[in-house]
Amino acid sequence: MSAGVTGSVLLARATARLVEAGIPDAGRDARRLLAHVLKVPPGRLTLFLPEPVGDAAGASFEALIARRAAREPVSHLTGRRLFYGREFLVTPDVLDPRPETEVLVEAALSEPFARVLDLGTGSGCILLTLLAEREGATGTGTDLGAAALEVAYWNRNAMKLEPRATLAQGDWYGALEGPERFDLIVSNPPYIAAAEMAGLSPEVLGHEPRMALTDEGDGLSAYGAIAAGAAAHLAPGGRLMVEIGPTQGPAVARLFEAAGLARVSVTPDLDGRDRVVSGRLGAA
């Protein structure tokens, strides 16, 4: 690469390469990666495009574009993903935070809570967002994966939530110490059926942890385990709320009702697809 190539030229080349590779929103991804390399806010990138880009930065950018063309997620290339207005560290060890999960957060924030449990916390984005939005609340996040918990620890510490967020390794409620009870239990468990995995995008199928995506069965087993243990870990009147796939509302609602939860309801996302199932311990 010759010295003095401007950001505009690099961006145009990169966008063309991503378009050729069949990347959706190629221009957006190229801009995000160039902003990352230049260490400038994406919204201010245009101001820097006329300036020459040094050889080292240009080479780094082109290496990232090559990886994106091979369908590696942008969040894995930058190490960050925006969720509910905050940046979270992400790695291939955790599920990438997604906009639809913000529906679960919104539903959880619709009522007060003082103590929250996040089952399968992954990056910690749900638990930490809820605590950041509710000053004074405390909570616990559990995850089976040690590597995932390392990411959650990093995000917790970066958000200065160490005093209010506990993280524990184990299978669902099995990670808890003693008979703890919570006002709110939330989870975004693996809900993709094994038969549906082949239809996922290369970014998801090739780069996200399979354990966080599928139960290797019909996609419902995690909900059964979560619902079955809820009564022993919810405070009276406490809520259980889970993210679901768009066809799973009726089945998950039946699991909640079979577990003795009351006022079971299904909340849609912004596209009108079923996204969250909620239930409550007792009739309160």
C-alpha atoms as a PDB file:
ATOM      1  CA  MET A   1       0.000   0.000   0.000  1.00  0.00           C
ATOM      2  CA  SER A   2       1.384   3.410  -0.871  1.00  0.00           C
ATOM      3  CA  ALA A   3       1.485   6.173   1.712  1.00  0.00           C
ATOM      4  CA  GLY A   4      -1.105   8.900   1.539  1.00  0.00           C
ATOM      5  CA  VAL A   5      -4.154   6.823   0.587  1.00  0.00           C
ATOM      6  CA  THR A   6      -7.157   8.606   2.019  1.00  0.00           C
ATOM      7  CA  GLY A   7      -9.846   7.113   4.193  1.00  0.00           C
ATOM      8  CA  SER A   8     -12.376   7.713   1.427  1.00  0.00           C
ATOM      9  CA  VAL A   9     -10.404   5.559  -1.011  1.00  0.00           C
ATOM     10  CA  LEU A  10      -9.889   2.791   1.526  1.00  0.00           C
ATOM     11  CA  LEU A  11     -13.573   2.847   2.434  1.00  0.00           C
ATOM     12  CA  ALA A  12     -14.679   2.646  -1.198  1.00  0.00           C
ATOM     13  CA  ARG A  13     -12.361  -0.304  -1.878  1.00  0.00           C
ATOM     14  CA  ALA A  14     -13.486  -2.098   1.261  1.00  0.00           C
ATOM     15  CA  THR A  15     -17.176  -1.585   0.544  1.00  0.00           C
ATOM     16  CA  ALA A  16     -16.752  -2.973  -2.955  1.00  0.00           C
ATOM     17  CA  ARG A  17     -14.954  -6.030  -1.580  1.00  0.00           C
ATOM     18  CA  LEU A  18     -17.709  -6.707   0.965  1.00  0.00           C
ATOM     19  CA  VAL A  19     -20.421  -6.243  -1.662  1.00  0.00           C
ATOM     20  CA  GLU A  20     -18.622  -8.755  -3.868  1.00  0.00           C
ATOM     21  CA  ALA A  21     -18.510 -11.172  -0.909  1.00  0.00           C
ATOM     22  CA  GLY A  22     -22.280 -10.874  -0.486  1.00  0.00           C
ATOM     23  CA  ILE A  23     -22.158  -9.119   2.884  1.00  0.00           C
ATOM     24  CA  PRO A  24     -25.454  -7.427   3.809  1.00  0.00           C
ATOM     25  CA  ASP A  25     -25.026  -3.725   4.667  1.00  0.00           C
ATOM     26  CA  ALA A  26     -21.491  -3.771   3.293  1.00  0.00           C
ATOM     27  CA  GLY A  27     -21.059  -0.003   3.499  1.00  0.00           C
ATOM     28  CA  ARG A  28     -22.168   0.129   7.128  1.00  0.00           C
ATOM     29  CA  ASP A  29     -19.784  -2.638   8.140  1.00  0.00           C
ATOM     30  CA  ALA A  30     -16.864  -1.059   6.280  1.00  0.00           C
ATOM     31  CA  ARG A  31     -17.477   2.260   8.023  1.00  0.00           C
ATOM     32  CA  ARG A  32     -17.658   0.627  11.451  1.00  0.00           C
ATOM     33  CA  LEU A  33     -14.389  -1.198  10.879  1.00  0.00           C
ATOM     34  CA  LEU A  34     -12.575   1.871   9.564  1.00  0.00           C
ATOM     35  CA  ALA A  35     -13.792   3.903  12.535  1.00  0.00           C
ATOM     36  CA  HIS A  36     -12.529   1.139  14.807  1.00  0.00           C
ATOM     37  CA  VAL A  37      -9.070   1.142  13.201  1.00  0.00           C
ATOM     38  CA  LEU A  38      -8.822   4.936  13.248  1.00  0.00           C
ATOM     39  CA  LYS A  39     -10.126   5.030  16.840  1.00  0.00           C
ATOM     40  CA  VAL A  40     -12.796   7.609  16.067  1.00  0.00           C
ATOM     41  CA  PRO A  41     -16.538   7.544  16.854  1.00  0.00           C
ATOM     42  CA  PRO A  42     -18.437   6.002  13.910  1.00  0.00           C
ATOM     43  CA  GLY A  43     -20.677   9.052  13.742  1.00  0.00           C
ATOM     44  CA  ARG A  44     -17.668  11.299  13.168  1.00  0.00           C
ATOM     45  CA  LEU A  45     -15.875   9.129  10.628  1.00  0.00           C
ATOM     46  CA  THR A  46     -16.886  11.370   7.699  1.00  0.00           C
ATOM     47  CA  LEU A  47     -14.728  14.166   9.109  1.00  0.00           C
ATOM     48  CA  PHE A  48     -11.643  11.970   8.864  1.00  0.00           C
ATOM     49  CA  LEU A  49     -12.221  10.416   5.437  1.00  0.00           C
ATOM     50  CA  PRO A  50     -10.331  13.088   3.437  1.00  0.00           C
ATOM     51  CA  GLU A  51      -7.203  12.539   5.542  1.00  0.00           C
ATOM     52  CA  PRO A  52      -4.388  10.147   4.558  1.00  0.00           C
ATOM     53  CA  VAL A  53      -4.333   6.864   6.455  1.00  0.00           C
ATOM     54  CA  GLY A  54      -0.977   5.509   7.578  1.00  0.00           C
ATOM     55  CA  ASP A  55       0.307   2.232   6.159  1.00  0.00           C
ATOM     56  CA  ALA A  56      -0.023   0.334   9.437  1.00  0.00           C
ATOM     57  CA  ALA A  57      -3.622   1.453   9.995  1.00  0.00           C
ATOM     58  CA  GLY A  58      -4.470   0.766   6.356  1.00  0.00           C
ATOM     59  CA  ALA A  59      -3.046  -2.744   6.564  1.00  0.00           C
ATOM     60  CA  SER A  60      -4.993  -3.412   9.771  1.00  0.00           C
ATOM     61  CA  PHE A  61      -8.185  -2.210   8.106  1.00  0.00           C
ATOM     62  CA  GLU A  62      -7.686  -4.396   5.051  1.00  0.00           C
ATOM     63  CA  ALA A  63      -7.016  -7.417   7.288  1.00  0.00           C
ATOM     64  CA  LEU A  64     -10.305  -6.806   9.100  1.00  0.00           C
ATOM     65  CA  ILE A  65     -12.141  -6.431   5.808  1.00  0.00           C
ATOM     66  CA  ALA A  66     -10.750  -9.778   4.658  1.00  0.00           C
ATOM     67  CA  ARG A  67     -12.041 -11.412   7.836  1.00  0.00           C
ATOM     68  CA  ARG A  68     -15.449  -9.754   7.430  1.00  0.00           C
ATOM     69  CA  ALA A  69     -15.604 -10.955   3.828  1.00  0.00           C
ATOM     70  CA  ALA A  70     -15.101 -14.452   5.257  1.00  0.00           C
ATOM     71  CA  ARG A  71     -18.261 -13.811   7.353  1.00  0.00           C
ATOM     72  CA  GLU A  72     -16.659 -13.178  10.723  1.00  0.00           C
ATOM     73  CA  PRO A  73     -19.049 -10.932  12.711  1.00  0.00           C
ATOM     74  CA  VAL A  74     -18.172  -7.264  13.024  1.00  0.00           C
ATOM     75  CA  SER A  75     -18.516  -7.506  16.809  1.00  0.00           C
ATOM     76  CA  HIS A  76     -15.821 -10.181  16.902  1.00  0.00           C
ATOM     77  CA  LEU A  77     -13.531  -7.984  14.814  1.00  0.00           C
ATOM     78  CA  THR A  78     -13.983  -4.947  17.043  1.00  0.00           C
ATOM     79  CA  GLY A  79     -14.506  -6.862  20.294  1.00  0.00           C
ATOM     80  CA  ARG A  80     -17.532  -4.729  21.121  1.00  0.00           C
ATOM     81  CA  ARG A  81     -21.300  -4.805  20.645  1.00  0.00           C
ATOM     82  CA  LEU A  82     -23.771  -2.040  21.468  1.00  0.00           C
ATOM     83  CA  PHE A  83     -26.728  -3.160  23.588  1.00  0.00           C
ATOM     84  CA  TYR A  84     -29.344  -0.896  25.164  1.00  0.00           C
ATOM     85  CA  GLY A  85     -27.084   2.115  24.642  1.00  0.00           C
ATOM     86  CA  ARG A  86     -23.991   0.575  26.231  1.00  0.00           C
ATOM     87  CA  GLU A  87     -20.927  -1.123  24.754  1.00  0.00           C
ATOM     88  CA  PHE A  88     -20.193  -4.677  25.851  1.00  0.00           C
ATOM     89  CA  LEU A  89     -17.093  -6.762  25.317  1.00  0.00           C
ATOM     90  CA  VAL A  90     -17.907  -9.824  23.208  1.00  0.00           C
ATOM     91  CA  THR A  91     -15.835 -12.820  22.145  1.00  0.00           C
ATOM     92  CA  PRO A  92     -16.578 -16.100  20.340  1.00  0.00           C
ATOM     93  CA  ASP A  93     -17.281 -17.556  23.810  1.00  0.00           C
ATOM     94  CA  VAL A  94     -20.561 -15.657  24.234  1.00  0.00           C
ATOM     95  CA  LEU A  95     -23.730 -15.061  22.286  1.00  0.00           C
ATOM     96  CA  ASP A  96     -23.657 -11.730  20.472  1.00  0.00           C
ATOM     97  CA  PRO A  97     -26.133  -9.345  22.163  1.00  0.00           C
ATOM     98  CA  ARG A  98     -29.023  -8.749  19.781  1.00  0.00           C
ATOM     99  CA  PRO A  99     -31.558  -5.921  19.432  1.00  0.00           C
ATOM    100  CA  GLU A 100     -34.487  -8.294  19.999  1.00  0.00           C
ATOM    101  CA  THR A 101     -33.161  -9.109  23.465  1.00  0.00           C
ATOM    102  CA  GLU A 102     -33.785  -5.474  24.366  1.00  0.00           C
ATOM    103  CA  VAL A 103     -37.492  -6.406  24.346  1.00  0.00           C
ATOM    104  CA  LEU A 104     -36.793  -8.676  27.326  1.00  0.00           C
ATOM    105  CA  VAL A 105     -34.971  -5.842  29.089  1.00  0.00           C
ATOM    106  CA  GLU A 106     -37.836  -3.411  28.449  1.00  0.00           C
ATOM    107  CA  ALA A 107     -40.377  -5.906  29.780  1.00  0.00           C
ATOM    108  CA  ALA A 108     -38.287  -6.551  32.881  1.00  0.00           C
ATOM    109  CA  LEU A 109     -37.964  -2.819  33.554  1.00  0.00           C
ATOM    110  CA  SER A 110     -41.734  -2.310  33.339  1.00  0.00           C
ATOM    111  CA  GLU A 111     -42.070  -3.113  37.064  1.00  0.00           C
ATOM    112  CA  PRO A 112     -39.832  -2.514  40.094  1.00  0.00           C
ATOM    113  CA  PHE A 113     -37.387  -5.169  41.308  1.00  0.00           C
ATOM    114  CA  ALA A 114     -34.650  -5.257  43.909  1.00  0.00           C
ATOM    115  CA  ARG A 115     -33.047  -8.651  43.280  1.00  0.00           C
ATOM    116  CA  VAL A 116     -32.587 -10.260  39.840  1.00  0.00           C
ATOM    117  CA  LEU A 117     -31.271 -13.601  38.586  1.00  0.00           C
ATOM    118  CA  ASP A 118     -30.027 -14.010  35.005  1.00  0.00           C
ATOM    119  CA  LEU A 119     -29.772 -17.664  33.956  1.00  0.00           C
ATOM    120  CA  GLY A 120     -27.208 -18.295  31.198  1.00  0.00           C
ATOM    121  CA  THR A 121     -25.814 -14.785  31.484  1.00  0.00           C
ATOM    122  CA  GLY A 122     -23.166 -15.060  28.713  1.00  0.00           C
ATOM    123  CA  SER A 123     -21.687 -11.592  28.206  1.00  0.00           C
ATOM    124  CA  GLY A 124     -23.776 -10.366  31.126  1.00  0.00           C
ATOM    125  CA  CYS A 125     -25.588  -7.873  28.901  1.00  0.00           C
ATOM    126  CA  ILE A 126     -29.065  -8.556  30.343  1.00  0.00           C
ATOM    127  CA  LEU A 127     -28.110  -8.661  34.014  1.00  0.00           C
ATOM    128  CA  LEU A 128     -25.736  -5.706  33.849  1.00  0.00           C
ATOM    129  CA  THR A 129     -28.146  -3.573  31.832  1.00  0.00           C
ATOM    130  CA  LEU A 130     -30.934  -4.210  34.341  1.00  0.00           C
ATOM    131  CA  LEU A 131     -28.670  -3.285  37.255  1.00  0.00           C
ATOM    132  CA  ALA A 132     -27.370  -0.196  35.468  1.00  0.00           C
ATOM    133  CA  GLU A 133     -30.948   0.921  34.837  1.00  0.00           C
ATOM    134  CA  ARG A 134     -32.115   0.221  38.415  1.00  0.00           C
ATOM    135  CA  GLU A 135     -29.810   1.913  40.887  1.00  0.00           C
ATOM    136  CA  GLY A 136     -29.734  -0.028  44.134  1.00  0.00           C
ATOM    137  CA  ALA A 137     -30.829  -3.346  42.649  1.00  0.00           C
ATOM    138  CA  THR A 138     -28.548  -6.354  43.027  1.00  0.00           C
ATOM    139  CA  GLY A 139     -28.337  -9.579  41.075  1.00  0.00           C
ATOM    140  CA  THR A 140     -26.669 -12.815  40.118  1.00  0.00           C
ATOM    141  CA  GLY A 141     -25.731 -14.170  36.707  1.00  0.00           C
ATOM    142  CA  THR A 142     -25.095 -17.877  36.186  1.00  0.00           C
ATOM    143  CA  ASP A 143     -23.467 -19.637  33.258  1.00  0.00           C
ATOM    144  CA  LEU A 144     -22.182 -23.129  32.569  1.00  0.00           C
ATOM    145  CA  GLY A 145     -19.162 -21.850  30.627  1.00  0.00           C
ATOM    146  CA  ALA A 146     -16.069 -20.554  32.428  1.00  0.00           C
ATOM    147  CA  ALA A 147     -14.941 -18.633  29.338  1.00  0.00           C
ATOM    148  CA  ALA A 148     -18.327 -16.924  29.054  1.00  0.00           C
ATOM    149  CA  LEU A 149     -18.163 -15.890  32.693  1.00  0.00           C
ATOM    150  CA  GLU A 150     -14.755 -14.314  32.092  1.00  0.00           C
ATOM    151  CA  VAL A 151     -16.414 -12.026  29.550  1.00  0.00           C
ATOM    152  CA  ALA A 152     -19.217 -11.228  31.995  1.00  0.00           C
ATOM    153  CA  TYR A 153     -16.656 -10.427  34.701  1.00  0.00           C
ATOM    154  CA  TRP A 154     -14.877  -8.026  32.354  1.00  0.00           C
ATOM    155  CA  ASN A 155     -18.129  -6.257  31.446  1.00  0.00           C
ATOM    156  CA  ARG A 156     -19.226  -6.109  35.077  1.00  0.00           C
ATOM    157  CA  ASN A 157     -15.951  -4.530  36.155  1.00  0.00           C
ATOM    158  CA  ALA A 158     -15.900  -2.103  33.230  1.00  0.00           C
ATOM    159  CA  MET A 159     -19.368  -0.913  34.252  1.00  0.00           C
ATOM    160  CA  LYS A 160     -18.258  -0.674  37.906  1.00  0.00           C
ATOM    161  CA  LEU A 161     -21.017  -3.025  39.020  1.00  0.00           C
ATOM    162  CA  GLU A 162     -18.833  -5.336  41.128  1.00  0.00           C
ATOM    163  CA  PRO A 163     -20.644  -4.444  44.385  1.00  0.00           C
ATOM    164  CA  ARG A 164     -24.062  -5.260  42.922  1.00  0.00           C
ATOM    165  CA  ALA A 165     -23.513  -8.148  40.494  1.00  0.00           C
ATOM    166  CA  THR A 166     -22.462 -11.671  41.501  1.00  0.00           C
ATOM    167  CA  LEU A 167     -21.413 -14.221  38.875  1.00  0.00           C
ATOM    168  CA  ALA A 168     -21.488 -17.991  39.419  1.00  0.00           C
ATOM    169  CA  GLN A 169     -20.623 -21.022  37.302  1.00  0.00           C
ATOM    170  CA  GLY A 170     -23.100 -23.869  37.031  1.00  0.00           C
ATOM    171  CA  ASP A 171     -26.128 -25.300  35.271  1.00  0.00           C
ATOM    172  CA  TRP A 172     -29.107 -22.926  35.627  1.00  0.00           C
ATOM    173  CA  TYR A 173     -30.146 -22.777  39.308  1.00  0.00           C
ATOM    174  CA  GLY A 174     -27.424 -25.268  40.246  1.00  0.00           C
ATOM    175  CA  ALA A 175     -24.897 -22.434  40.371  1.00  0.00           C
ATOM    176  CA  LEU A 176     -26.681 -20.757  43.283  1.00  0.00           C
ATOM    177  CA  GLU A 177     -25.547 -21.117  46.854  1.00  0.00           C
ATOM    178  CA  GLY A 178     -28.451 -21.997  49.135  1.00  0.00           C
ATOM    179  CA  PRO A 179     -32.168 -21.189  48.817  1.00  0.00           C
ATOM    180  CA  GLU A 180     -31.908 -17.716  47.297  1.00  0.00           C
ATOM    181  CA  ARG A 181     -35.087 -16.007  46.110  1.00  0.00           C
ATOM    182  CA  PHE A 182     -35.428 -13.213  43.576  1.00  0.00           C
ATOM    183  CA  ASP A 183     -38.045 -10.640  42.565  1.00  0.00           C
ATOM    184  CA  LEU A 184     -37.146 -11.232  38.920  1.00  0.00           C
ATOM    185  CA  ILE A 185     -35.641 -14.136  37.002  1.00  0.00           C
ATOM    186  CA  VAL A 186     -34.658 -13.550  33.370  1.00  0.00           C
ATOM    187  CA  SER A 187     -33.065 -15.733  30.713  1.00  0.00           C
ATOM    188  CA  ASN A 188     -32.220 -15.864  27.026  1.00  0.00           C
ATOM    189  CA  PRO A 189     -31.575 -19.614  26.826  1.00  0.00           C
ATOM    190  CA  PRO A 190     -30.575 -21.739  23.812  1.00  0.00           C
ATOM    191  CA  TYR A 191     -33.856 -22.048  21.921  1.00  0.00           C
ATOM    192  CA  ILE A 192     -32.969 -22.962  18.342  1.00  0.00           C
ATOM    193  CA  ALA A 193     -33.984 -26.514  17.467  1.00  0.00           C
ATOM    194  CA  ALA A 194     -31.172 -28.739  16.228  1.00  0.00           C
ATOM    195  CA  ALA A 195     -32.988 -29.198  12.925  1.00  0.00           C
ATOM    196  CA  GLU A 196     -32.976 -25.425  12.365  1.00  0.00           C
ATOM    197  CA  MET A 197     -29.266 -24.855  12.961  1.00  0.00           C
ATOM    198  CA  ALA A 198     -28.242 -25.374   9.350  1.00  0.00           C
ATOM    199  CA  GLY A 199     -30.397 -22.415   8.322  1.00  0.00           C
ATOM    200  CA  LEU A 200     -28.486 -19.890  10.425  1.00  0.00           C
ATOM    201  CA  SER A 201     -26.220 -17.290   8.863  1.00  0.00           C
ATOM    202  CA  PRO A 202     -22.501 -18.112   8.526  1.00  0.00           C
ATOM    203  CA  GLU A 203     -21.756 -15.382  11.071  1.00  0.00           C
ATOM    204  CA  VAL A 204     -23.846 -17.160  13.717  1.00  0.00           C
ATOM    205  CA  LEU A 205     -23.248 -20.785  12.806  1.00  0.00           C
ATOM    206  CA  GLY A 206     -19.499 -20.455  12.380  1.00  0.00           C
ATOM    207  CA  HIS A 207     -18.612 -17.974  15.094  1.00  0.00           C
ATOM    208  CA  GLU A 208     -21.012 -18.129  18.057  1.00  0.00           C
ATOM    209  CA  PRO A 209     -20.979 -20.806  20.790  1.00  0.00           C
ATOM    210  CA  ARG A 210     -23.258 -23.672  19.787  1.00  0.00           C
ATOM    211  CA  MET A 211     -24.117 -24.301  23.435  1.00  0.00           C
ATOM    212  CA  ALA A 212     -25.729 -20.850  23.619  1.00  0.00           C
ATOM    213  CA  LEU A 213     -27.758 -21.393  20.453  1.00  0.00           C
ATOM    214  CA  THR A 214     -29.332 -24.845  20.631  1.00  0.00           C
ATOM    215  CA  ASP A 215     -30.295 -27.533  23.136  1.00  0.00           C
ATOM    216  CA  GLU A 216     -29.550 -30.110  20.406  1.00  0.00           C
ATOM    217  CA  GLY A 217     -33.235 -31.057  20.569  1.00  0.00           C
ATOM    218  CA  ASP A 218     -36.539 -29.282  19.952  1.00  0.00           C
ATOM    219  CA  GLY A 219     -35.412 -25.947  21.387  1.00  0.00           C
ATOM    220  CA  LEU A 220     -37.690 -26.189  24.440  1.00  0.00           C
ATOM    221  CA  SER A 221     -35.713 -28.170  27.018  1.00  0.00           C
ATOM    222  CA  ALA A 222     -34.105 -25.124  28.656  1.00  0.00           C
ATOM    223  CA  TYR A 223     -37.518 -23.564  29.214  1.00  0.00           C
ATOM    224  CA  GLY A 224     -38.707 -26.705  30.953  1.00  0.00           C
ATOM    225  CA  ALA A 225     -35.760 -26.634  33.369  1.00  0.00           C
ATOM    226  CA  ILE A 226     -36.072 -22.893  33.999  1.00  0.00           C
ATOM    227  CA  ALA A 227     -39.828 -23.044  34.597  1.00  0.00           C
ATOM    228  CA  ALA A 228     -39.575 -26.112  36.845  1.00  0.00           C
ATOM    229  CA  GLY A 229     -37.128 -24.404  39.202  1.00  0.00           C
ATOM    230  CA  ALA A 230     -38.784 -21.000  39.253  1.00  0.00           C
ATOM    231  CA  ALA A 231     -41.135 -21.560  42.183  1.00  0.00           C
ATOM    232  CA  ALA A 232     -38.231 -22.467  44.465  1.00  0.00           C
ATOM    233  CA  HIS A 233     -36.304 -19.315  43.566  1.00  0.00           C
ATOM    234  CA  LEU A 234     -38.931 -16.595  43.091  1.00  0.00           C
ATOM    235  CA  ALA A 235     -40.134 -14.390  45.903  1.00  0.00           C
ATOM    236  CA  PRO A 236     -43.941 -14.259  46.281  1.00  0.00           C
ATOM    237  CA  GLY A 237     -45.282 -12.253  43.348  1.00  0.00           C
ATOM    238  CA  GLY A 238     -41.895 -12.466  41.605  1.00  0.00           C
ATOM    239  CA  ARG A 239     -41.654 -12.621  37.819  1.00  0.00           C
ATOM    240  CA  LEU A 240     -40.041 -15.103  35.433  1.00  0.00           C
ATOM    241  CA  MET A 241     -39.318 -13.701  31.951  1.00  0.00           C
ATOM    242  CA  VAL A 242     -37.600 -15.467  29.049  1.00  0.00           C
ATOM    243  CA  GLU A 243     -36.736 -14.636  25.474  1.00  0.00           C
ATOM    244  CA  ILE A 244     -38.169 -17.079  22.925  1.00  0.00           C
ATOM    245  CA  GLY A 245     -38.074 -17.856  19.238  1.00  0.00           C
ATOM    246  CA  PRO A 246     -41.019 -16.415  17.288  1.00  0.00           C
ATOM    247  CA  THR A 247     -42.920 -19.726  17.052  1.00  0.00           C
ATOM    248  CA  GLN A 248     -42.440 -20.855  20.650  1.00  0.00           C
ATOM    249  CA  GLY A 249     -44.894 -18.640  22.535  1.00  0.00           C
ATOM    250  CA  PRO A 250     -47.730 -21.151  23.063  1.00  0.00           C
ATOM    251  CA  ALA A 251     -45.393 -24.037  24.004  1.00  0.00           C
ATOM    252  CA  VAL A 252     -43.367 -22.001  26.506  1.00  0.00           C
ATOM    253  CA  ALA A 253     -46.537 -20.488  27.985  1.00  0.00           C
ATOM    254  CA  ARG A 254     -47.838 -24.021  28.622  1.00  0.00           C
ATOM    255  CA  LEU A 255     -44.569 -24.916  30.378  1.00  0.00           C
ATOM    256  CA  PHE A 256     -44.949 -21.874  32.622  1.00  0.00           C
ATOM    257  CA  GLU A 257     -48.529 -22.762  33.476  1.00  0.00           C
ATOM    258  CA  ALA A 258     -47.610 -26.390  34.149  1.00  0.00           C
ATOM    259  CA  ALA A 259     -44.977 -25.144  36.604  1.00  0.00           C
ATOM    260  CA  GLY A 260     -47.672 -23.279  38.540  1.00  0.00           C
ATOM    261  CA  LEU A 261     -46.931 -19.754  37.336  1.00  0.00           C
ATOM    262  CA  ALA A 262     -49.827 -17.316  37.070  1.00  0.00           C
ATOM    263  CA  ARG A 263     -50.647 -14.411  34.739  1.00  0.00           C
ATOM    264  CA  VAL A 264     -48.657 -15.981  31.913  1.00  0.00           C
ATOM    265  CA  SER A 265     -48.382 -13.692  28.891  1.00  0.00           C
ATOM    266  CA  VAL A 266     -46.506 -13.369  25.607  1.00  0.00           C
ATOM    267  CA  THR A 267     -44.957 -10.052  24.506  1.00  0.00           C
ATOM    268  CA  PRO A 268     -44.144  -9.339  20.831  1.00  0.00           C
ATOM    269  CA  ASP A 269     -41.070  -7.573  19.487  1.00  0.00           C
ATOM    270  CA  LEU A 270     -41.129  -4.489  17.274  1.00  0.00           C
ATOM    271  CA  ASP A 271     -41.800  -6.681  14.222  1.00  0.00           C
ATOM    272  CA  GLY A 272     -44.859  -8.205  15.878  1.00  0.00           C
ATOM    273  CA  ARG A 273     -43.238 -11.601  16.482  1.00  0.00           C
ATOM    274  CA  ASP A 274     -43.598 -13.361  19.831  1.00  0.00           C
ATOM    275  CA  ARG A 275     -40.422 -12.595  21.780  1.00  0.00           C
ATOM    276  CA  VAL A 276     -40.899 -12.787  25.585  1.00  0.00           C
ATOM    277  CA  VAL A 277     -42.952 -15.091  27.801  1.00  0.00           C
ATOM    278  CA  SER A 278     -43.664 -13.894  31.335  1.00  0.00           C
ATOM    279  CA  GLY A 279     -45.212 -15.498  34.383  1.00  0.00           C
ATOM    280  CA  ARG A 280     -45.599 -14.711  38.050  1.00  0.00           C
ATOM    281  CA  LEU A 281     -45.387 -16.730  41.259  1.00  0.00           C
ATOM    282  CA  GLY A 282     -48.816 -16.501  42.855  1.00  0.00           C
ATOM    283  CA  ALA A 283     -51.774 -14.435  41.745  1.00  0.00           C
ATOM    284  CA  ALA A 284     -50.323 -11.091  42.852  1.00  0.00           C
END
